[in-house]
Amino acid sequence: MDLKKRIKDLGFTTSMLAEKLGVSQPAISQAINGNPSLSRLQDIAAAMNVTLSELLAEDATTTDDSHTTVRCPYCGKSLELVKGEE
């Protein structure tokens, strides 16, 4: 998964994210070019006002309105996300 490309596709830059998260631009670049923690991914998604699944959607396949399959950025396994009841 190319997280940097996905962030750009969503209309953000690393500088914009750094400012929103209150960290340096090199810190964001290091996180997205390396192996970001789940916590960091959640922070990035929140700063972009998208869900974690939307952030990781480049490798996502929607199976129907309530299920989405994404590829884990750590191990490469497919994970099925199920939409909870509202």
PDB file of N, CA and C in Angstrom:
ATOM      1  N   MET A   1       0.840  -1.179   0.000  1.00  0.00           N
ATOM      2  CA  MET A   1       0.000   0.000   0.000  1.00  0.00           C
ATOM      3  C   MET A   1       0.885   1.241   0.000  1.00  0.00           C
ATOM      4  N   ASP A   2       0.560   2.165  -0.851  1.00  0.00           N
ATOM      5  CA  ASP A   2       1.309   3.410  -0.931  1.00  0.00           C
ATOM      6  C   ASP A   2       0.521   4.487  -0.181  1.00  0.00           C
ATOM      7  N   LEU A   3       0.799   4.592   1.123  1.00  0.00           N
ATOM      8  CA  LEU A   3       0.061   5.517   1.977  1.00  0.00           C
ATOM      9  C   LEU A   3       0.265   6.963   1.537  1.00  0.00           C
ATOM     10  N   LYS A   4       1.462   7.299   1.116  1.00  0.00           N
ATOM     11  CA  LYS A   4       1.737   8.666   0.669  1.00  0.00           C
ATOM     12  C   LYS A   4       0.868   9.019  -0.537  1.00  0.00           C
ATOM     13  N   LYS A   5       0.731   8.096  -1.477  1.00  0.00           N
ATOM     14  CA  LYS A   5      -0.105   8.320  -2.657  1.00  0.00           C
ATOM     15  C   LYS A   5      -1.569   8.443  -2.239  1.00  0.00           C
ATOM     16  N   ARG A   6      -2.004   7.606  -1.316  1.00  0.00           N
ATOM     17  CA  ARG A   6      -3.403   7.649  -0.872  1.00  0.00           C
ATOM     18  C   ARG A   6      -3.709   8.991  -0.205  1.00  0.00           C
ATOM     19  N   ILE A   7      -2.785   9.471   0.604  1.00  0.00           N
ATOM     20  CA  ILE A   7      -2.967  10.765   1.268  1.00  0.00           C
ATOM     21  C   ILE A   7      -3.078  11.869   0.211  1.00  0.00           C
ATOM     22  N   LYS A   8      -2.217  11.805  -0.787  1.00  0.00           N
ATOM     23  CA  LYS A   8      -2.262  12.791  -1.877  1.00  0.00           C
ATOM     24  C   LYS A   8      -3.572  12.681  -2.646  1.00  0.00           C
ATOM     25  N   ASP A   9      -4.029  11.446  -2.909  1.00  0.00           N
ATOM     26  CA  ASP A   9      -5.291  11.235  -3.618  1.00  0.00           C
ATOM     27  C   ASP A   9      -6.477  11.841  -2.866  1.00  0.00           C
ATOM     28  N   LEU A  10      -6.368  11.873  -1.538  1.00  0.00           N
ATOM     29  CA  LEU A  10      -7.433  12.445  -0.719  1.00  0.00           C
ATOM     30  C   LEU A  10      -7.296  13.967  -0.565  1.00  0.00           C
ATOM     31  N   GLY A  11      -6.298  14.550  -1.247  1.00  0.00           N
ATOM     32  CA  GLY A  11      -6.167  16.001  -1.283  1.00  0.00           C
ATOM     33  C   GLY A  11      -5.317  16.613  -0.186  1.00  0.00           C
ATOM     34  N   PHE A  12      -4.462  15.820   0.438  1.00  0.00           N
ATOM     35  CA  PHE A  12      -3.618  16.317   1.518  1.00  0.00           C
ATOM     36  C   PHE A  12      -2.144  16.188   1.158  1.00  0.00           C
ATOM     37  N   THR A  13      -1.332  16.964   1.858  1.00  0.00           N
ATOM     38  CA  THR A  13       0.122  16.843   1.755  1.00  0.00           C
ATOM     39  C   THR A  13       0.655  16.471   3.137  1.00  0.00           C
ATOM     40  N   THR A  14       1.903  16.028   3.182  1.00  0.00           N
ATOM     41  CA  THR A  14       2.501  15.707   4.481  1.00  0.00           C
ATOM     42  C   THR A  14       2.618  16.959   5.335  1.00  0.00           C
ATOM     43  N   SER A  15       2.838  18.105   4.712  1.00  0.00           N
ATOM     44  CA  SER A  15       2.916  19.363   5.466  1.00  0.00           C
ATOM     45  C   SER A  15       1.578  19.707   6.102  1.00  0.00           C
ATOM     46  N   MET A  16       0.498  19.504   5.361  1.00  0.00           N
ATOM     47  CA  MET A  16      -0.831  19.770   5.898  1.00  0.00           C
ATOM     48  C   MET A  16      -1.129  18.852   7.085  1.00  0.00           C
ATOM     49  N   LEU A  17      -0.785  17.585   6.935  1.00  0.00           N
ATOM     50  CA  LEU A  17      -1.022  16.635   8.028  1.00  0.00           C
ATOM     51  C   LEU A  17      -0.181  16.971   9.244  1.00  0.00           C
ATOM     52  N   ALA A  18       1.076  17.323   9.012  1.00  0.00           N
ATOM     53  CA  ALA A  18       1.961  17.677  10.124  1.00  0.00           C
ATOM     54  C   ALA A  18       1.373  18.829  10.919  1.00  0.00           C
ATOM     55  N   GLU A  19       0.884  19.835  10.219  1.00  0.00           N
ATOM     56  CA  GLU A  19       0.297  20.989  10.894  1.00  0.00           C
ATOM     57  C   GLU A  19      -0.939  20.583  11.694  1.00  0.00           C
ATOM     58  N   LYS A  20      -1.818  19.779  11.091  1.00  0.00           N
ATOM     59  CA  LYS A  20      -3.040  19.345  11.779  1.00  0.00           C
ATOM     60  C   LYS A  20      -2.732  18.490  13.002  1.00  0.00           C
ATOM     61  N   LEU A  21      -1.669  17.685  12.925  1.00  0.00           N
ATOM     62  CA  LEU A  21      -1.317  16.777  14.016  1.00  0.00           C
ATOM     63  C   LEU A  21      -0.358  17.403  15.020  1.00  0.00           C
ATOM     64  N   GLY A  22       0.174  18.578  14.704  1.00  0.00           N
ATOM     65  CA  GLY A  22       1.094  19.243  15.620  1.00  0.00           C
ATOM     66  C   GLY A  22       2.446  18.567  15.726  1.00  0.00           C
ATOM     67  N   VAL A  23       2.896  17.985  14.606  1.00  0.00           N
ATOM     68  CA  VAL A  23       4.214  17.342  14.562  1.00  0.00           C
ATOM     69  C   VAL A  23       4.974  17.896  13.363  1.00  0.00           C
ATOM     70  N   SER A  24       6.228  17.545  13.259  1.00  0.00           N
ATOM     71  CA  SER A  24       7.029  18.037  12.138  1.00  0.00           C
ATOM     72  C   SER A  24       6.701  17.273  10.857  1.00  0.00           C
ATOM     73  N   GLN A  25       6.940  17.911   9.726  1.00  0.00           N
ATOM     74  CA  GLN A  25       6.717  17.274   8.436  1.00  0.00           C
ATOM     75  C   GLN A  25       7.607  16.043   8.284  1.00  0.00           C
ATOM     76  N   PRO A  26       8.895  16.097   8.696  1.00  0.00           N
ATOM     77  CA  PRO A  26       9.717  14.881   8.601  1.00  0.00           C
ATOM     78  C   PRO A  26       9.171  13.719   9.443  1.00  0.00           C
ATOM     79  N   ALA A  27       8.541  14.027  10.579  1.00  0.00           N
ATOM     80  CA  ALA A  27       7.964  12.966  11.414  1.00  0.00           C
ATOM     81  C   ALA A  27       6.817  12.271  10.685  1.00  0.00           C
ATOM     82  N   ILE A  28       5.985  13.051  10.000  1.00  0.00           N
ATOM     83  CA  ILE A  28       4.882  12.460   9.222  1.00  0.00           C
ATOM     84  C   ILE A  28       5.449  11.654   8.056  1.00  0.00           C
ATOM     85  N   SER A  29       6.415  12.218   7.356  1.00  0.00           N
ATOM     86  CA  SER A  29       7.021  11.504   6.230  1.00  0.00           C
ATOM     87  C   SER A  29       7.625  10.184   6.681  1.00  0.00           C
ATOM     88  N   GLN A  30       8.315  10.207   7.799  1.00  0.00           N
ATOM     89  CA  GLN A  30       8.926   8.983   8.321  1.00  0.00           C
ATOM     90  C   GLN A  30       7.848   7.949   8.646  1.00  0.00           C
ATOM     91  N   ALA A  31       6.745   8.393   9.237  1.00  0.00           N
ATOM     92  CA  ALA A  31       5.662   7.474   9.604  1.00  0.00           C
ATOM     93  C   ALA A  31       5.017   6.848   8.372  1.00  0.00           C
ATOM     94  N   ILE A  32       4.699   7.660   7.375  1.00  0.00           N
ATOM     95  CA  ILE A  32       3.982   7.115   6.224  1.00  0.00           C
ATOM     96  C   ILE A  32       4.894   6.356   5.266  1.00  0.00           C
ATOM     97  N   ASN A  33       6.187   6.641   5.294  1.00  0.00           N
ATOM     98  CA  ASN A  33       7.113   5.909   4.440  1.00  0.00           C
ATOM     99  C   ASN A  33       7.665   4.664   5.126  1.00  0.00           C
ATOM    100  N   GLY A  34       7.421   4.553   6.427  1.00  0.00           N
ATOM    101  CA  GLY A  34       7.896   3.405   7.171  1.00  0.00           C
ATOM    102  C   GLY A  34       6.768   2.442   7.454  1.00  0.00           C
ATOM    103  N   ASN A  35       6.660   2.055   8.691  1.00  0.00           N
ATOM    104  CA  ASN A  35       5.640   1.118   9.122  1.00  0.00           C
ATOM    105  C   ASN A  35       4.834   1.781  10.228  1.00  0.00           C
ATOM    106  N   PRO A  36       3.845   2.624   9.867  1.00  0.00           N
ATOM    107  CA  PRO A  36       3.127   3.391  10.879  1.00  0.00           C
ATOM    108  C   PRO A  36       2.323   2.499  11.819  1.00  0.00           C
ATOM    109  N   SER A  37       2.236   2.919  13.059  1.00  0.00           N
ATOM    110  CA  SER A  37       1.443   2.187  14.044  1.00  0.00           C
ATOM    111  C   SER A  37      -0.039   2.395  13.750  1.00  0.00           C
ATOM    112  N   LEU A  38      -0.860   1.533  14.296  1.00  0.00           N
ATOM    113  CA  LEU A  38      -2.298   1.683  14.146  1.00  0.00           C
ATOM    114  C   LEU A  38      -2.741   3.022  14.720  1.00  0.00           C
ATOM    115  N   SER A  39      -2.162   3.395  15.837  1.00  0.00           N
ATOM    116  CA  SER A  39      -2.486   4.675  16.463  1.00  0.00           C
ATOM    117  C   SER A  39      -2.162   5.837  15.537  1.00  0.00           C
ATOM    118  N   ARG A  40      -1.013   5.797  14.887  1.00  0.00           N
ATOM    119  CA  ARG A  40      -0.624   6.875  13.966  1.00  0.00           C
ATOM    120  C   ARG A  40      -1.572   6.900  12.762  1.00  0.00           C
ATOM    121  N   LEU A  41      -1.948   5.727  12.243  1.00  0.00           N
ATOM    122  CA  LEU A  41      -2.892   5.672  11.125  1.00  0.00           C
ATOM    123  C   LEU A  41      -4.240   6.265  11.526  1.00  0.00           C
ATOM    124  N   GLN A  42      -4.682   5.971  12.743  1.00  0.00           N
ATOM    125  CA  GLN A  42      -5.940   6.528  13.230  1.00  0.00           C
ATOM    126  C   GLN A  42      -5.844   8.044  13.365  1.00  0.00           C
ATOM    127  N   ASP A  43      -4.703   8.532  13.847  1.00  0.00           N
ATOM    128  CA  ASP A  43      -4.498   9.975  13.970  1.00  0.00           C
ATOM    129  C   ASP A  43      -4.538  10.652  12.600  1.00  0.00           C
ATOM    130  N   ILE A  44      -3.886  10.037  11.623  1.00  0.00           N
ATOM    131  CA  ILE A  44      -3.854  10.592  10.266  1.00  0.00           C
ATOM    132  C   ILE A  44      -5.266  10.610   9.684  1.00  0.00           C
ATOM    133  N   ALA A  45      -5.982   9.507   9.831  1.00  0.00           N
ATOM    134  CA  ALA A  45      -7.359   9.444   9.317  1.00  0.00           C
ATOM    135  C   ALA A  45      -8.223  10.517   9.967  1.00  0.00           C
ATOM    136  N   ALA A  46      -8.106  10.670  11.286  1.00  0.00           N
ATOM    137  CA  ALA A  46      -8.904  11.681  11.995  1.00  0.00           C
ATOM    138  C   ALA A  46      -8.556  13.087  11.513  1.00  0.00           C
ATOM    139  N   ALA A  47      -7.275  13.366  11.305  1.00  0.00           N
ATOM    140  CA  ALA A  47      -6.847  14.688  10.837  1.00  0.00           C
ATOM    141  C   ALA A  47      -7.387  14.981   9.442  1.00  0.00           C
ATOM    142  N   MET A  48      -7.583  13.932   8.658  1.00  0.00           N
ATOM    143  CA  MET A  48      -8.100  14.086   7.307  1.00  0.00           C
ATOM    144  C   MET A  48      -9.625  14.009   7.263  1.00  0.00           C
ATOM    145  N   ASN A  49     -10.226  13.753   8.430  1.00  0.00           N
ATOM    146  CA  ASN A  49     -11.677  13.626   8.536  1.00  0.00           C
ATOM    147  C   ASN A  49     -12.223  12.496   7.664  1.00  0.00           C
ATOM    148  N   VAL A  50     -11.491  11.369   7.668  1.00  0.00           N
ATOM    149  CA  VAL A  50     -11.940  10.156   6.990  1.00  0.00           C
ATOM    150  C   VAL A  50     -11.824   9.003   7.982  1.00  0.00           C
ATOM    151  N   THR A  51     -12.492   7.913   7.687  1.00  0.00           N
ATOM    152  CA  THR A  51     -12.366   6.736   8.538  1.00  0.00           C
ATOM    153  C   THR A  51     -11.065   6.025   8.202  1.00  0.00           C
ATOM    154  N   LEU A  52     -10.640   5.173   9.102  1.00  0.00           N
ATOM    155  CA  LEU A  52      -9.428   4.396   8.849  1.00  0.00           C
ATOM    156  C   LEU A  52      -9.609   3.540   7.601  1.00  0.00           C
ATOM    157  N   SER A  53     -10.783   2.964   7.427  1.00  0.00           N
ATOM    158  CA  SER A  53     -11.014   2.143   6.238  1.00  0.00           C
ATOM    159  C   SER A  53     -10.959   2.984   4.962  1.00  0.00           C
ATOM    160  N   GLU A  54     -11.412   4.242   5.030  1.00  0.00           N
ATOM    161  CA  GLU A  54     -11.304   5.121   3.863  1.00  0.00           C
ATOM    162  C   GLU A  54      -9.847   5.464   3.567  1.00  0.00           C
ATOM    163  N   LEU A  55      -9.063   5.652   4.623  1.00  0.00           N
ATOM    164  CA  LEU A  55      -7.642   5.935   4.436  1.00  0.00           C
ATOM    165  C   LEU A  55      -6.941   4.760   3.773  1.00  0.00           C
ATOM    166  N   LEU A  56      -7.318   3.555   4.151  1.00  0.00           N
ATOM    167  CA  LEU A  56      -6.688   2.352   3.625  1.00  0.00           C
ATOM    168  C   LEU A  56      -7.390   1.815   2.390  1.00  0.00           C
ATOM    169  N   ALA A  57      -8.328   2.567   1.826  1.00  0.00           N
ATOM    170  CA  ALA A  57      -9.193   2.092   0.757  1.00  0.00           C
ATOM    171  C   ALA A  57      -8.493   1.830  -0.568  1.00  0.00           C
ATOM    172  N   GLU A  58      -7.277   2.262  -0.748  1.00  0.00           N
ATOM    173  CA  GLU A  58      -6.593   2.008  -2.015  1.00  0.00           C
ATOM    174  C   GLU A  58      -6.576   0.520  -2.313  1.00  0.00           C
ATOM    175  N   ASP A  59      -6.378  -0.282  -1.290  1.00  0.00           N
ATOM    176  CA  ASP A  59      -6.348  -1.731  -1.444  1.00  0.00           C
ATOM    177  C   ASP A  59      -7.661  -2.364  -1.012  1.00  0.00           C
ATOM    178  N   ALA A  60      -8.710  -1.571  -0.970  1.00  0.00           N
ATOM    179  CA  ALA A  60      -9.987  -2.073  -0.470  1.00  0.00           C
ATOM    180  C   ALA A  60     -10.875  -2.570  -1.596  1.00  0.00           C
ATOM    181  N   THR A  61     -11.649  -3.569  -1.274  1.00  0.00           N
ATOM    182  CA  THR A  61     -12.658  -4.086  -2.167  1.00  0.00           C
ATOM    183  C   THR A  61     -13.960  -4.129  -1.405  1.00  0.00           C
ATOM    184  N   THR A  62     -14.967  -3.429  -1.880  1.00  0.00           N
ATOM    185  CA  THR A  62     -16.248  -3.447  -1.205  1.00  0.00           C
ATOM    186  C   THR A  62     -17.026  -4.649  -1.695  1.00  0.00           C
ATOM    187  N   THR A  63     -17.461  -5.477  -0.753  1.00  0.00           N
ATOM    188  CA  THR A  63     -18.226  -6.659  -1.116  1.00  0.00           C
ATOM    189  C   THR A  63     -19.720  -6.374  -1.125  1.00  0.00           C
ATOM    190  N   ASP A  64     -20.179  -5.484  -0.294  1.00  0.00           N
ATOM    191  CA  ASP A  64     -21.541  -4.961  -0.307  1.00  0.00           C
ATOM    192  C   ASP A  64     -21.567  -3.752   0.604  1.00  0.00           C
ATOM    193  N   ASP A  65     -22.754  -3.219   0.901  1.00  0.00           N
ATOM    194  CA  ASP A  65     -22.837  -1.999   1.696  1.00  0.00           C
ATOM    195  C   ASP A  65     -22.357  -2.166   3.129  1.00  0.00           C
ATOM    196  N   SER A  66     -22.327  -3.390   3.643  1.00  0.00           N
ATOM    197  CA  SER A  66     -21.971  -3.582   5.042  1.00  0.00           C
ATOM    198  C   SER A  66     -20.611  -4.249   5.246  1.00  0.00           C
ATOM    199  N   HIS A  67     -19.956  -4.677   4.184  1.00  0.00           N
ATOM    200  CA  HIS A  67     -18.673  -5.362   4.303  1.00  0.00           C
ATOM    201  C   HIS A  67     -17.646  -4.753   3.354  1.00  0.00           C
ATOM    202  N   THR A  68     -16.452  -4.566   3.848  1.00  0.00           N
ATOM    203  CA  THR A  68     -15.328  -4.106   3.039  1.00  0.00           C
ATOM    204  C   THR A  68     -14.116  -4.938   3.414  1.00  0.00           C
ATOM    205  N   THR A  69     -13.352  -5.338   2.423  1.00  0.00           N
ATOM    206  CA  THR A  69     -12.133  -6.082   2.685  1.00  0.00           C
ATOM    207  C   THR A  69     -10.947  -5.166   2.423  1.00  0.00           C
ATOM    208  N   VAL A  70     -10.031  -5.080   3.389  1.00  0.00           N
ATOM    209  CA  VAL A  70      -8.819  -4.275   3.237  1.00  0.00           C
ATOM    210  C   VAL A  70      -7.609  -5.156   3.484  1.00  0.00           C
ATOM    211  N   ARG A  71      -6.486  -4.729   2.970  1.00  0.00           N
ATOM    212  CA  ARG A  71      -5.235  -5.453   3.185  1.00  0.00           C
ATOM    213  C   ARG A  71      -4.488  -4.798   4.335  1.00  0.00           C
ATOM    214  N   CYS A  72      -4.078  -5.596   5.317  1.00  0.00           N
ATOM    215  CA  CYS A  72      -3.341  -5.096   6.471  1.00  0.00           C
ATOM    216  C   CYS A  72      -1.997  -4.531   6.013  1.00  0.00           C
ATOM    217  N   PRO A  73      -1.674  -3.284   6.420  1.00  0.00           N
ATOM    218  CA  PRO A  73      -0.396  -2.704   6.002  1.00  0.00           C
ATOM    219  C   PRO A  73       0.804  -3.351   6.680  1.00  0.00           C
ATOM    220  N   TYR A  74       0.587  -4.157   7.698  1.00  0.00           N
ATOM    221  CA  TYR A  74       1.676  -4.799   8.437  1.00  0.00           C
ATOM    222  C   TYR A  74       2.002  -6.187   7.905  1.00  0.00           C
ATOM    223  N   CYS A  75       0.966  -7.040   7.775  1.00  0.00           N
ATOM    224  CA  CYS A  75       1.226  -8.429   7.413  1.00  0.00           C
ATOM    225  C   CYS A  75       0.753  -8.789   6.017  1.00  0.00           C
ATOM    226  N   GLY A  76      -0.049  -7.928   5.397  1.00  0.00           N
ATOM    227  CA  GLY A  76      -0.532  -8.191   4.053  1.00  0.00           C
ATOM    228  C   GLY A  76      -1.770  -9.064   3.984  1.00  0.00           C
ATOM    229  N   LYS A  77      -2.274  -9.532   5.125  1.00  0.00           N
ATOM    230  CA  LYS A  77      -3.477 -10.364   5.128  1.00  0.00           C
ATOM    231  C   LYS A  77      -4.703  -9.515   4.813  1.00  0.00           C
ATOM    232  N   SER A  78      -5.698 -10.149   4.213  1.00  0.00           N
ATOM    233  CA  SER A  78      -6.966  -9.473   3.960  1.00  0.00           C
ATOM    234  C   SER A  78      -7.788  -9.487   5.236  1.00  0.00           C
ATOM    235  N   LEU A  79      -8.370  -8.338   5.553  1.00  0.00           N
ATOM    236  CA  LEU A  79      -9.209  -8.196   6.726  1.00  0.00           C
ATOM    237  C   LEU A  79     -10.580  -7.736   6.272  1.00  0.00           C
ATOM    238  N   GLU A  80     -11.625  -8.340   6.825  1.00  0.00           N
ATOM    239  CA  GLU A  80     -12.971  -7.952   6.460  1.00  0.00           C
ATOM    240  C   GLU A  80     -13.511  -7.001   7.529  1.00  0.00           C
ATOM    241  N   LEU A  81     -13.922  -5.821   7.099  1.00  0.00           N
ATOM    242  CA  LEU A  81     -14.508  -4.829   7.990  1.00  0.00           C
ATOM    243  C   LEU A  81     -16.018  -4.903   7.820  1.00  0.00           C
ATOM    244  N   VAL A  82     -16.712  -5.013   8.944  1.00  0.00           N
ATOM    245  CA  VAL A  82     -18.162  -5.121   8.922  1.00  0.00           C
ATOM    246  C   VAL A  82     -18.753  -3.867   9.542  1.00  0.00           C
ATOM    247  N   LYS A  83     -19.649  -3.226   8.820  1.00  0.00           N
ATOM    248  CA  LYS A  83     -20.292  -2.012   9.313  1.00  0.00           C
ATOM    249  C   LYS A  83     -21.252  -2.379  10.448  1.00  0.00           C
ATOM    250  N   GLY A  84     -21.080  -1.705  11.576  1.00  0.00           N
ATOM    251  CA  GLY A  84     -21.952  -1.944  12.712  1.00  0.00           C
ATOM    252  C   GLY A  84     -23.295  -1.269  12.528  1.00  0.00           C
ATOM    253  N   GLU A  85     -24.219  -1.615  13.380  1.00  0.00           N
ATOM    254  CA  GLU A  85     -25.531  -0.997  13.326  1.00  0.00           C
ATOM    255  C   GLU A  85     -25.445   0.415  13.840  1.00  0.00           C
ATOM    256  N   GLU A  86     -26.244   1.287  13.266  1.00  0.00           N
ATOM    257  CA  GLU A  86     -26.238   2.692  13.665  1.00  0.00           C
ATOM    258  C   GLU A  86     -27.244   2.945  14.740  1.00  0.00           C
TER     259      GLU A  86
END
